[in-house]
PDB file of N, CA and C in Angstrom:
ATOM      1  N   MET A   1       4.521 -12.402  35.444  1.00  0.00           N
ATOM      2  CA  MET A   1       3.171 -11.988  35.133  1.00  0.00           C
ATOM      3  C   MET A   1       3.087 -10.466  34.978  1.00  0.00           C
ATOM      4  N   LYS A   2       3.847  -9.718  35.778  1.00  0.00           N
ATOM      5  CA  LYS A   2       3.811  -8.264  35.700  1.00  0.00           C
ATOM      6  C   LYS A   2       4.257  -7.764  34.331  1.00  0.00           C
ATOM      7  N   LYS A   3       5.261  -8.426  33.772  1.00  0.00           N
ATOM      8  CA  LYS A   3       5.800  -8.012  32.478  1.00  0.00           C
ATOM      9  C   LYS A   3       4.700  -8.066  31.409  1.00  0.00           C
ATOM     10  N   TYR A   4       3.937  -9.138  31.406  1.00  0.00           N
ATOM     11  CA  TYR A   4       2.880  -9.288  30.402  1.00  0.00           C
ATOM     12  C   TYR A   4       1.772  -8.266  30.607  1.00  0.00           C
ATOM     13  N   THR A   5       1.469  -7.994  31.853  1.00  0.00           N
ATOM     14  CA  THR A   5       0.441  -6.997  32.160  1.00  0.00           C
ATOM     15  C   THR A   5       0.890  -5.618  31.703  1.00  0.00           C
ATOM     16  N   LYS A   6       2.163  -5.306  31.941  1.00  0.00           N
ATOM     17  CA  LYS A   6       2.697  -4.008  31.546  1.00  0.00           C
ATOM     18  C   LYS A   6       2.690  -3.869  30.024  1.00  0.00           C
ATOM     19  N   GLU A   7       3.094  -4.917  29.320  1.00  0.00           N
ATOM     20  CA  GLU A   7       3.097  -4.885  27.859  1.00  0.00           C
ATOM     21  C   GLU A   7       1.677  -4.754  27.317  1.00  0.00           C
ATOM     22  N   ALA A   8       0.745  -5.465  27.901  1.00  0.00           N
ATOM     23  CA  ALA A   8      -0.647  -5.390  27.459  1.00  0.00           C
ATOM     24  C   ALA A   8      -1.208  -3.990  27.689  1.00  0.00           C
ATOM     25  N   THR A   9      -0.841  -3.380  28.817  1.00  0.00           N
ATOM     26  CA  THR A   9      -1.300  -2.025  29.112  1.00  0.00           C
ATOM     27  C   THR A   9      -0.761  -1.047  28.078  1.00  0.00           C
ATOM     28  N   GLN A  10       0.497  -1.206  27.714  1.00  0.00           N
ATOM     29  CA  GLN A  10       1.095  -0.325  26.707  1.00  0.00           C
ATOM     30  C   GLN A  10       0.423  -0.509  25.351  1.00  0.00           C
ATOM     31  N   VAL A  11       0.128  -1.730  24.987  1.00  0.00           N
ATOM     32  CA  VAL A  11      -0.551  -2.008  23.714  1.00  0.00           C
ATOM     33  C   VAL A  11      -1.939  -1.365  23.727  1.00  0.00           C
ATOM     34  N   ASN A  12      -2.641  -1.517  24.831  1.00  0.00           N
ATOM     35  CA  ASN A  12      -3.975  -0.923  24.943  1.00  0.00           C
ATOM     36  C   ASN A  12      -3.924   0.597  24.858  1.00  0.00           C
ATOM     37  N   GLU A  13      -2.939   1.208  25.497  1.00  0.00           N
ATOM     38  CA  GLU A  13      -2.798   2.664  25.452  1.00  0.00           C
ATOM     39  C   GLU A  13      -2.511   3.135  24.031  1.00  0.00           C
ATOM     40  N   ARG A  14      -1.636   2.423  23.315  1.00  0.00           N
ATOM     41  CA  ARG A  14      -1.345   2.772  21.927  1.00  0.00           C
ATOM     42  C   ARG A  14      -2.598   2.640  21.062  1.00  0.00           C
ATOM     43  N   PHE A  15      -3.369   1.580  21.305  1.00  0.00           N
ATOM     44  CA  PHE A  15      -4.600   1.367  20.547  1.00  0.00           C
ATOM     45  C   PHE A  15      -5.598   2.504  20.783  1.00  0.00           C
ATOM     46  N   ILE A  16      -5.740   2.931  22.023  1.00  0.00           N
ATOM     47  CA  ILE A  16      -6.659   4.019  22.368  1.00  0.00           C
ATOM     48  C   ILE A  16      -6.211   5.317  21.696  1.00  0.00           C
ATOM     49  N   GLN A  17      -4.911   5.609  21.751  1.00  0.00           N
ATOM     50  CA  GLN A  17      -4.394   6.829  21.142  1.00  0.00           C
ATOM     51  C   GLN A  17      -4.601   6.810  19.624  1.00  0.00           C
ATOM     52  N   GLU A  18      -4.344   5.676  19.016  1.00  0.00           N
ATOM     53  CA  GLU A  18      -4.506   5.563  17.564  1.00  0.00           C
ATOM     54  C   GLU A  18      -5.978   5.701  17.170  1.00  0.00           C
ATOM     55  N   THR A  19      -6.862   5.105  17.950  1.00  0.00           N
ATOM     56  CA  THR A  19      -8.293   5.196  17.676  1.00  0.00           C
ATOM     57  C   THR A  19      -8.773   6.639  17.764  1.00  0.00           C
ATOM     58  N   LYS A  20      -8.321   7.373  18.780  1.00  0.00           N
ATOM     59  CA  LYS A  20      -8.691   8.780  18.922  1.00  0.00           C
ATOM     60  C   LYS A  20      -8.168   9.601  17.749  1.00  0.00           C
ATOM     61  N   ARG A  21      -6.926   9.353  17.362  1.00  0.00           N
ATOM     62  CA  ARG A  21      -6.322  10.090  16.252  1.00  0.00           C
ATOM     63  C   ARG A  21      -7.089   9.828  14.961  1.00  0.00           C
ATOM     64  N   LEU A  22      -7.418   8.573  14.697  1.00  0.00           N
ATOM     65  CA  LEU A  22      -8.161   8.233  13.484  1.00  0.00           C
ATOM     66  C   LEU A  22      -9.550   8.856  13.490  1.00  0.00           C
ATOM     67  N   SER A  23     -10.167   8.917  14.656  1.00  0.00           N
ATOM     68  CA  SER A  23     -11.492   9.516  14.772  1.00  0.00           C
ATOM     69  C   SER A  23     -11.444  11.002  14.427  1.00  0.00           C
ATOM     70  N   VAL A  24     -10.442  11.693  14.929  1.00  0.00           N
ATOM     71  CA  VAL A  24     -10.285  13.123  14.647  1.00  0.00           C
ATOM     72  C   VAL A  24     -10.048  13.338  13.154  1.00  0.00           C
ATOM     73  N   GLU A  25      -9.181  12.515  12.569  1.00  0.00           N
ATOM     74  CA  GLU A  25      -8.901  12.639  11.138  1.00  0.00           C
ATOM     75  C   GLU A  25     -10.159  12.372  10.313  1.00  0.00           C
ATOM     76  N   ARG A  26     -10.908  11.364  10.694  1.00  0.00           N
ATOM     77  CA  ARG A  26     -12.147  11.019   9.985  1.00  0.00           C
ATOM     78  C   ARG A  26     -13.149  12.163  10.078  1.00  0.00           C
ATOM     79  N   HIS A  27     -13.253  12.775  11.251  1.00  0.00           N
ATOM     80  CA  HIS A  27     -14.170  13.900  11.451  1.00  0.00           C
ATOM     81  C   HIS A  27     -13.781  15.085  10.559  1.00  0.00           C
ATOM     82  N   LYS A  28     -12.490  15.358  10.456  1.00  0.00           N
ATOM     83  CA  LYS A  28     -12.017  16.458   9.604  1.00  0.00           C
ATOM     84  C   LYS A  28     -12.346  16.183   8.137  1.00  0.00           C
ATOM     85  N   ARG A  29     -12.105  14.948   7.699  1.00  0.00           N
ATOM     86  CA  ARG A  29     -12.410  14.594   6.307  1.00  0.00           C
ATOM     87  C   ARG A  29     -13.910  14.703   6.025  1.00  0.00           C
ATOM     88  N   ALA A  30     -14.722  14.277   6.969  1.00  0.00           N
ATOM     89  CA  ALA A  30     -16.169  14.355   6.792  1.00  0.00           C
ATOM     90  C   ALA A  30     -16.615  15.809   6.693  1.00  0.00           C
ATOM     91  N   HIS A  31     -16.049  16.668   7.520  1.00  0.00           N
ATOM     92  CA  HIS A  31     -16.402  18.087   7.499  1.00  0.00           C
ATOM     93  C   HIS A  31     -16.040  18.703   6.148  1.00  0.00           C
ATOM     94  N   ILE A  32     -14.878  18.374   5.621  1.00  0.00           N
ATOM     95  CA  ILE A  32     -14.449  18.878   4.317  1.00  0.00           C
ATOM     96  C   ILE A  32     -15.384  18.375   3.222  1.00  0.00           C
ATOM     97  N   GLN A  33     -15.756  17.108   3.304  1.00  0.00           N
ATOM     98  CA  GLN A  33     -16.658  16.519   2.307  1.00  0.00           C
ATOM     99  C   GLN A  33     -18.026  17.203   2.327  1.00  0.00           C
ATOM    100  N   ILE A  34     -18.582  17.420   3.506  1.00  0.00           N
ATOM    101  CA  ILE A  34     -19.883  18.086   3.631  1.00  0.00           C
ATOM    102  C   ILE A  34     -19.802  19.498   3.062  1.00  0.00           C
ATOM    103  N   LYS A  35     -18.747  20.198   3.409  1.00  0.00           N
ATOM    104  CA  LYS A  35     -18.576  21.571   2.946  1.00  0.00           C
ATOM    105  C   LYS A  35     -18.500  21.619   1.421  1.00  0.00           C
ATOM    106  N   SER A  36     -17.738  20.725   0.822  1.00  0.00           N
ATOM    107  CA  SER A  36     -17.592  20.741  -0.634  1.00  0.00           C
ATOM    108  C   SER A  36     -18.904  20.378  -1.327  1.00  0.00           C
ATOM    109  N   GLU A  37     -19.669  19.458  -0.758  1.00  0.00           N
ATOM    110  CA  GLU A  37     -20.953  19.098  -1.357  1.00  0.00           C
ATOM    111  C   GLU A  37     -21.936  20.275  -1.287  1.00  0.00           C
ATOM    112  N   LEU A  38     -21.922  21.007  -0.202  1.00  0.00           N
ATOM    113  CA  LEU A  38     -22.822  22.150  -0.074  1.00  0.00           C
ATOM    114  C   LEU A  38     -22.428  23.277  -1.014  1.00  0.00           C
ATOM    115  N   VAL A  39     -21.148  23.511  -1.162  1.00  0.00           N
ATOM    116  CA  VAL A  39     -20.669  24.584  -2.026  1.00  0.00           C
ATOM    117  C   VAL A  39     -20.952  24.249  -3.489  1.00  0.00           C
ATOM    118  N   ASP A  40     -20.834  22.969  -3.873  1.00  0.00           N
ATOM    119  CA  ASP A  40     -21.043  22.559  -5.258  1.00  0.00           C
ATOM    120  C   ASP A  40     -22.516  22.527  -5.654  1.00  0.00           C
ATOM    121  N   ASN A  41     -23.412  22.536  -4.684  1.00  0.00           N
ATOM    122  CA  ASN A  41     -24.839  22.494  -4.991  1.00  0.00           C
ATOM    123  C   ASN A  41     -25.270  23.862  -5.522  1.00  0.00           C
ATOM    124  N   LYS A  42     -25.665  23.904  -6.791  1.00  0.00           N
ATOM    125  CA  LYS A  42     -26.008  25.184  -7.426  1.00  0.00           C
ATOM    126  C   LYS A  42     -27.487  25.539  -7.261  1.00  0.00           C
ATOM    127  N   ASN A  43     -28.313  24.604  -6.838  1.00  0.00           N
ATOM    128  CA  ASN A  43     -29.745  24.859  -6.718  1.00  0.00           C
ATOM    129  C   ASN A  43     -30.086  25.710  -5.496  1.00  0.00           C
ATOM    130  N   ILE A  44     -29.343  25.534  -4.433  1.00  0.00           N
ATOM    131  CA  ILE A  44     -29.618  26.254  -3.190  1.00  0.00           C
ATOM    132  C   ILE A  44     -28.361  27.003  -2.779  1.00  0.00           C
ATOM    133  N   ASN A  45     -28.518  28.255  -2.415  1.00  0.00           N
ATOM    134  CA  ASN A  45     -27.377  29.054  -1.964  1.00  0.00           C
ATOM    135  C   ASN A  45     -27.197  28.851  -0.464  1.00  0.00           C
ATOM    136  N   TYR A  46     -26.405  27.849  -0.111  1.00  0.00           N
ATOM    137  CA  TYR A  46     -26.198  27.535   1.301  1.00  0.00           C
ATOM    138  C   TYR A  46     -25.333  28.577   2.007  1.00  0.00           C
ATOM    139  N   ARG A  47     -24.486  29.248   1.265  1.00  0.00           N
ATOM    140  CA  ARG A  47     -23.608  30.254   1.881  1.00  0.00           C
ATOM    141  C   ARG A  47     -24.420  31.370   2.533  1.00  0.00           C
ATOM    142  N   LYS A  48     -25.591  31.633   1.977  1.00  0.00           N
ATOM    143  CA  LYS A  48     -26.456  32.677   2.507  1.00  0.00           C
ATOM    144  C   LYS A  48     -26.986  32.308   3.896  1.00  0.00           C
ATOM    145  N   HIS A  49     -27.220  31.028   4.110  1.00  0.00           N
ATOM    146  CA  HIS A  49     -27.839  30.566   5.350  1.00  0.00           C
ATOM    147  C   HIS A  49     -26.854  29.991   6.369  1.00  0.00           C
ATOM    148  N   MET A  50     -25.717  29.505   5.892  1.00  0.00           N
ATOM    149  CA  MET A  50     -24.736  28.858   6.783  1.00  0.00           C
ATOM    150  C   MET A  50     -23.428  29.623   6.719  1.00  0.00           C
ATOM    151  N   LYS A  51     -23.172  30.386   7.727  1.00  0.00           N
ATOM    152  CA  LYS A  51     -21.986  31.253   7.745  1.00  0.00           C
ATOM    153  C   LYS A  51     -20.685  30.450   7.838  1.00  0.00           C
ATOM    154  N   TRP A  52     -20.719  29.231   8.386  1.00  0.00           N
ATOM    155  CA  TRP A  52     -19.492  28.456   8.582  1.00  0.00           C
ATOM    156  C   TRP A  52     -18.936  27.908   7.277  1.00  0.00           C
ATOM    157  N   ILE A  53     -19.704  27.966   6.191  1.00  0.00           N
ATOM    158  CA  ILE A  53     -19.223  27.456   4.907  1.00  0.00           C
ATOM    159  C   ILE A  53     -18.187  28.388   4.307  1.00  0.00           C
ATOM    160  N   SER A  54     -18.411  29.668   4.398  1.00  0.00           N
ATOM    161  CA  SER A  54     -17.492  30.609   3.745  1.00  0.00           C
ATOM    162  C   SER A  54     -16.264  30.904   4.537  1.00  0.00           C
TER     163      SER A  54
END
Protein backbone atom coordinates (compact mmCIF):
# COMPACT_ATOMS: atom_id res chain seq x y z
CA MET A 1 0.00 0.00 0.00
CA LYS A 2 2.88 2.40 0.76
CA LYS A 3 4.25 2.02 -2.76
CA TYR A 4 0.99 3.18 -4.32
CA THR A 5 0.70 6.08 -1.92
CA LYS A 6 4.25 7.17 -2.70
CA GLU A 7 3.65 6.96 -6.46
CA ALA A 8 0.39 8.89 -6.15
CA THR A 9 2.15 11.58 -4.11
CA GLN A 10 4.82 11.92 -6.78
CA VAL A 11 2.20 12.18 -9.53
CA ASN A 12 0.34 14.84 -7.56
CA GLU A 13 3.54 16.82 -6.97
CA ARG A 14 4.39 16.71 -10.69
CA PHE A 15 0.85 17.83 -11.52
CA ILE A 16 1.09 20.78 -9.10
CA GLN A 17 4.47 21.84 -10.50
CA GLU A 18 3.24 21.61 -14.08
CA THR A 19 0.09 23.57 -13.26
CA LYS A 20 2.14 26.36 -11.64
CA ARG A 21 4.53 26.46 -14.60
CA LEU A 22 1.66 26.66 -17.11
CA SER A 23 0.01 29.41 -15.08
CA VAL A 24 3.18 31.51 -15.12
CA GLU A 25 3.60 30.97 -18.86
CA ARG A 26 -0.04 31.88 -19.49
CA HIS A 27 0.34 35.05 -17.40
CA LYS A 28 3.42 36.10 -19.40
CA ARG A 29 1.62 35.52 -22.71
CA ALA A 30 -1.39 37.50 -21.52
CA HIS A 31 0.82 40.40 -20.45
CA ILE A 32 2.51 40.46 -23.87
CA GLN A 33 -0.87 40.34 -25.61
CA ILE A 34 -2.26 43.23 -23.54
CA LYS A 35 0.86 45.29 -24.16
CA SER A 36 0.74 44.74 -27.92
CA GLU A 37 -2.96 45.62 -28.11
CA LEU A 38 -2.38 48.86 -26.22
CA VAL A 39 0.62 49.84 -28.33
CA ASP A 40 -1.26 49.11 -31.59
CA ASN A 41 -4.22 51.28 -30.59
CA LYS A 42 -3.69 54.54 -32.50
CA ASN A 43 -6.72 56.40 -31.10
CA ILE A 44 -5.40 56.73 -27.55
CA ASN A 45 -1.79 57.32 -26.55
CA TYR A 46 -1.50 54.81 -23.73
CA ARG A 47 2.26 55.25 -23.43
CA LYS A 48 1.63 58.72 -22.05
CA HIS A 49 -0.47 57.37 -19.18
CA MET A 50 1.01 53.91 -18.55
CA LYS A 51 4.73 53.93 -17.94
CA TRP A 52 5.00 50.10 -17.86
CA ILE A 53 4.22 49.87 -21.59
CA SER A 54 7.41 51.50 -22.79
